[in-house]
Amino acid sequence: MKDFEAIKRLWQIQPTEPVSIEDVFTKINEEKRGYARKLLKQTIIVAIALFLIFMVWLTATFITWTSHLAVLIVMGCLIYYFSIQLEDYLKINKTAFIFKKPDEYIAYLKDYKKSRFKLNTQSYQVYITFISIALVLFAFEMYYVLPLSLLLLYLAISIIWILLCQFVFMKQFNKKEEQRLQEIINDLERLSQQFL
């Protein structure tokens, strides 16, 4: 136990290694550009999906009113997600005040990280609930069009997809996004402590 206390005191005495401002800003800008590219790519994919679903809605002949409602729900979800992603992309690209006020930028990033966490947890739950409702509503259309075996396959694939999104893909996505933002915050905090 004495050895542990001695090691602990040694670590506390060790001076922190100075951080190069250029290296930190270069790394932060690279992370920011990479994150902005990811947001832009997701926004474009959502826009394409929205356009394709709209075109299918215009050209397809549906038997039940539930299919029209399902398409409207999905399009509403995609419009919501598109607007959030576009807004975040514009926010991330606009934040050029990093060089002037690092403390404000750190606070901004912490708030942004909290808002993205809320989006990826609470808002995502509402989003996935509406998508699930749309899939169920569309199943009524499938009931009239498909044989029972294909209808059951549609339902099984839909359930498996929702569960995978909920418990696998979204957890990985949240972890990666949180790590990316936390790395930028940590680098800025180390830089800011160097000048105290």
Protein backbone atom coordinates (compact mmCIF):
# COMPACT_ATOMS: atom_id res chain seq x y z
CA MET A 1 0.00 0.00 0.00
CA LYS A 2 2.93 2.35 0.71
CA ASP A 3 4.23 1.75 -2.82
CA PHE A 4 0.88 2.71 -4.27
CA GLU A 5 0.83 5.98 -2.31
CA ALA A 6 4.39 6.75 -3.45
CA ILE A 7 3.46 6.15 -7.07
CA LYS A 8 0.38 8.31 -6.66
CA ARG A 9 2.46 11.20 -5.26
CA LEU A 10 4.95 10.79 -8.11
CA TRP A 11 2.21 11.16 -10.71
CA GLN A 12 0.88 14.27 -8.98
CA ILE A 13 4.37 15.85 -8.99
CA GLN A 14 4.99 15.09 -12.69
CA PRO A 15 4.60 18.21 -14.81
CA THR A 16 2.12 17.90 -17.61
CA GLU A 17 3.69 17.75 -21.02
CA PRO A 18 3.09 21.00 -22.94
CA VAL A 19 0.68 20.72 -25.81
CA SER A 20 1.50 22.21 -29.19
CA ILE A 21 -1.14 24.75 -30.19
CA GLU A 22 -0.71 24.05 -33.90
CA ASP A 23 -1.02 20.29 -33.37
CA VAL A 24 -4.17 20.67 -31.29
CA PHE A 25 -5.81 23.10 -33.73
CA THR A 26 -4.86 20.90 -36.68
CA LYS A 27 -6.30 17.83 -34.96
CA ILE A 28 -9.45 19.71 -33.94
CA ASN A 29 -9.98 21.05 -37.45
CA GLU A 30 -9.48 17.56 -38.91
CA GLU A 31 -11.98 16.10 -36.44
CA LYS A 32 -14.40 18.93 -37.13
CA ARG A 33 -14.12 18.48 -40.91
CA GLY A 34 -14.55 14.71 -40.58
CA TYR A 35 -17.59 15.16 -38.35
CA ALA A 36 -19.06 17.78 -40.72
CA ARG A 37 -18.50 15.43 -43.70
CA LYS A 38 -20.31 12.66 -41.83
CA LEU A 39 -23.25 14.98 -41.10
CA LEU A 40 -23.36 16.16 -44.71
CA LYS A 41 -23.26 12.59 -46.03
CA GLN A 42 -26.11 11.58 -43.70
CA THR A 43 -28.11 14.65 -44.75
CA ILE A 44 -27.68 13.84 -48.45
CA ILE A 45 -28.67 10.20 -47.90
CA VAL A 46 -31.80 11.27 -46.02
CA ALA A 47 -32.68 13.74 -48.79
CA ILE A 48 -32.31 11.01 -51.43
CA ALA A 49 -34.41 8.58 -49.36
CA LEU A 50 -37.06 11.25 -48.87
CA PHE A 51 -37.17 11.95 -52.61
CA LEU A 52 -37.39 8.23 -53.49
CA ILE A 53 -40.17 7.58 -50.98
CA PHE A 54 -42.06 10.59 -52.28
CA MET A 55 -41.71 9.32 -55.85
CA VAL A 56 -42.93 5.85 -54.85
CA TRP A 57 -45.89 7.44 -53.07
CA LEU A 58 -46.80 9.41 -56.20
CA THR A 59 -46.44 6.52 -58.61
CA ALA A 60 -47.57 3.45 -56.61
CA THR A 61 -51.16 2.33 -56.35
CA PHE A 62 -52.03 1.48 -52.77
CA ILE A 63 -55.10 -0.55 -51.81
CA THR A 64 -55.48 0.71 -48.23
CA TRP A 65 -55.46 4.14 -46.65
CA THR A 66 -53.03 2.82 -44.03
CA SER A 67 -50.27 2.71 -46.65
CA HIS A 68 -50.73 6.40 -47.41
CA LEU A 69 -50.59 7.15 -43.69
CA ALA A 70 -47.46 4.97 -43.33
CA VAL A 71 -45.72 6.85 -46.15
CA LEU A 72 -46.68 10.21 -44.62
CA ILE A 73 -45.32 9.11 -41.23
CA VAL A 74 -42.03 7.96 -42.76
CA MET A 75 -41.72 11.17 -44.78
CA GLY A 76 -42.45 13.22 -41.65
CA CYS A 77 -39.72 11.34 -39.75
CA LEU A 78 -37.26 11.85 -42.61
CA ILE A 79 -38.06 15.58 -42.88
CA TYR A 80 -37.50 15.95 -39.13
CA TYR A 81 -34.20 14.06 -39.27
CA PHE A 82 -33.11 15.96 -42.39
CA SER A 83 -33.73 19.33 -40.72
CA ILE A 84 -31.83 18.31 -37.56
CA GLN A 85 -28.84 17.01 -39.55
CA LEU A 86 -28.74 20.09 -41.80
CA GLU A 87 -28.94 22.41 -38.78
CA ASP A 88 -26.12 20.54 -37.02
CA TYR A 89 -24.00 20.55 -40.18
CA LEU A 90 -24.40 24.32 -40.50
CA LYS A 91 -23.61 24.82 -36.79
CA ILE A 92 -20.44 22.73 -36.96
CA ASN A 93 -19.20 24.51 -40.09
CA LYS A 94 -20.02 27.95 -38.65
CA THR A 95 -17.99 27.51 -35.47
CA ALA A 96 -14.84 29.35 -36.48
CA PHE A 97 -14.44 31.20 -33.18
CA ILE A 98 -12.31 28.33 -31.83
CA PHE A 99 -9.12 30.37 -32.27
CA LYS A 100 -10.44 33.41 -30.40
CA LYS A 101 -12.17 31.94 -27.35
CA PRO A 102 -11.28 28.31 -26.52
CA ASP A 103 -13.26 28.35 -23.25
CA GLU A 104 -16.43 29.42 -25.07
CA TYR A 105 -15.82 26.79 -27.72
CA ILE A 106 -15.38 24.11 -25.03
CA ALA A 107 -18.67 25.18 -23.43
CA TYR A 108 -20.32 25.21 -26.87
CA LEU A 109 -19.03 21.69 -27.64
CA LYS A 110 -20.22 20.37 -24.27
CA ASP A 111 -23.70 21.79 -24.91
CA TYR A 112 -23.65 20.42 -28.44
CA LYS A 113 -22.61 17.00 -27.15
CA LYS A 114 -25.52 17.02 -24.69
CA SER A 115 -27.99 18.02 -27.40
CA ARG A 116 -26.71 15.28 -29.74
CA PHE A 117 -26.97 12.73 -26.92
CA LYS A 118 -30.56 13.81 -26.31
CA LEU A 119 -31.27 13.56 -30.05
CA ASN A 120 -29.69 10.11 -30.27
CA THR A 121 -31.55 8.78 -27.23
CA GLN A 122 -34.88 10.46 -26.43
CA SER A 123 -35.69 11.84 -29.88
CA TYR A 124 -34.53 8.60 -31.47
CA GLN A 125 -37.04 6.67 -29.36
CA VAL A 126 -39.87 8.80 -30.75
CA TYR A 127 -38.44 8.43 -34.27
CA ILE A 128 -38.16 4.62 -34.06
CA THR A 129 -41.66 4.39 -32.57
CA PHE A 130 -43.14 6.27 -35.52
CA ILE A 131 -41.16 4.18 -38.02
CA SER A 132 -42.45 1.02 -36.29
CA ILE A 133 -46.03 2.32 -36.51
CA ALA A 134 -45.50 3.02 -40.22
CA LEU A 135 -44.21 -0.53 -40.77
CA VAL A 136 -47.26 -1.96 -39.01
CA LEU A 137 -49.61 0.24 -41.04
CA PHE A 138 -47.89 -0.85 -44.23
CA ALA A 139 -48.34 -4.50 -43.14
CA PHE A 140 -52.09 -4.06 -43.76
CA GLU A 141 -51.30 -3.36 -47.41
CA MET A 142 -48.98 -6.37 -47.49
CA TYR A 143 -51.81 -8.52 -46.08
CA TYR A 144 -53.87 -7.92 -49.22
CA VAL A 145 -50.98 -8.21 -51.68
CA LEU A 146 -48.69 -10.95 -50.38
CA PRO A 147 -49.23 -14.60 -49.50
CA LEU A 148 -49.19 -15.36 -45.78
CA SER A 149 -45.62 -16.72 -45.83
CA LEU A 150 -44.24 -13.51 -47.38
CA LEU A 151 -46.31 -11.37 -45.01
CA LEU A 152 -44.79 -13.23 -42.05
CA LEU A 153 -41.34 -12.78 -43.60
CA TYR A 154 -42.03 -9.01 -43.97
CA LEU A 155 -43.07 -8.82 -40.31
CA ALA A 156 -40.04 -10.83 -39.13
CA ILE A 157 -37.60 -8.73 -41.15
CA SER A 158 -39.23 -5.52 -39.89
CA ILE A 159 -39.01 -6.62 -36.25
CA ILE A 160 -35.41 -7.80 -36.63
CA TRP A 161 -34.45 -4.53 -38.36
CA ILE A 162 -36.03 -2.39 -35.62
CA LEU A 163 -34.31 -4.44 -32.90
CA LEU A 164 -30.94 -4.24 -34.66
CA CYS A 165 -31.28 -0.48 -35.07
CA GLN A 166 -32.35 -0.05 -31.46
CA PHE A 167 -29.86 -2.29 -29.69
CA VAL A 168 -26.84 -2.58 -32.01
CA PHE A 169 -26.47 0.16 -34.61
CA MET A 170 -27.63 3.07 -32.44
CA LYS A 171 -25.39 2.08 -29.51
CA GLN A 172 -22.36 1.92 -31.81
CA PHE A 173 -23.33 5.22 -33.45
CA ASN A 174 -23.75 6.95 -30.06
CA LYS A 175 -20.43 5.63 -28.80
CA LYS A 176 -18.49 6.79 -31.90
CA GLU A 177 -20.12 10.21 -31.95
CA GLU A 178 -19.57 10.77 -28.25
CA GLN A 179 -15.90 9.70 -28.52
CA ARG A 180 -15.31 12.03 -31.45
CA LEU A 181 -16.74 15.04 -29.65
CA GLN A 182 -15.05 14.15 -26.35
CA GLU A 183 -11.63 13.97 -28.03
CA ILE A 184 -12.02 17.52 -29.32
CA ILE A 185 -13.17 18.72 -25.88
CA ASN A 186 -10.25 16.96 -24.13
CA ASP A 187 -7.69 18.48 -26.52
CA LEU A 188 -9.10 21.96 -26.00
CA GLU A 189 -9.20 21.54 -22.22
CA ARG A 190 -5.57 20.39 -22.17
CA LEU A 191 -4.62 23.41 -24.27
CA SER A 192 -6.59 25.79 -22.10
CA GLN A 193 -4.99 24.39 -18.87
CA GLN A 194 -1.55 24.95 -20.37
CA PHE A 195 -2.16 28.70 -20.33
CA LEU A 196 -3.51 28.96 -16.78
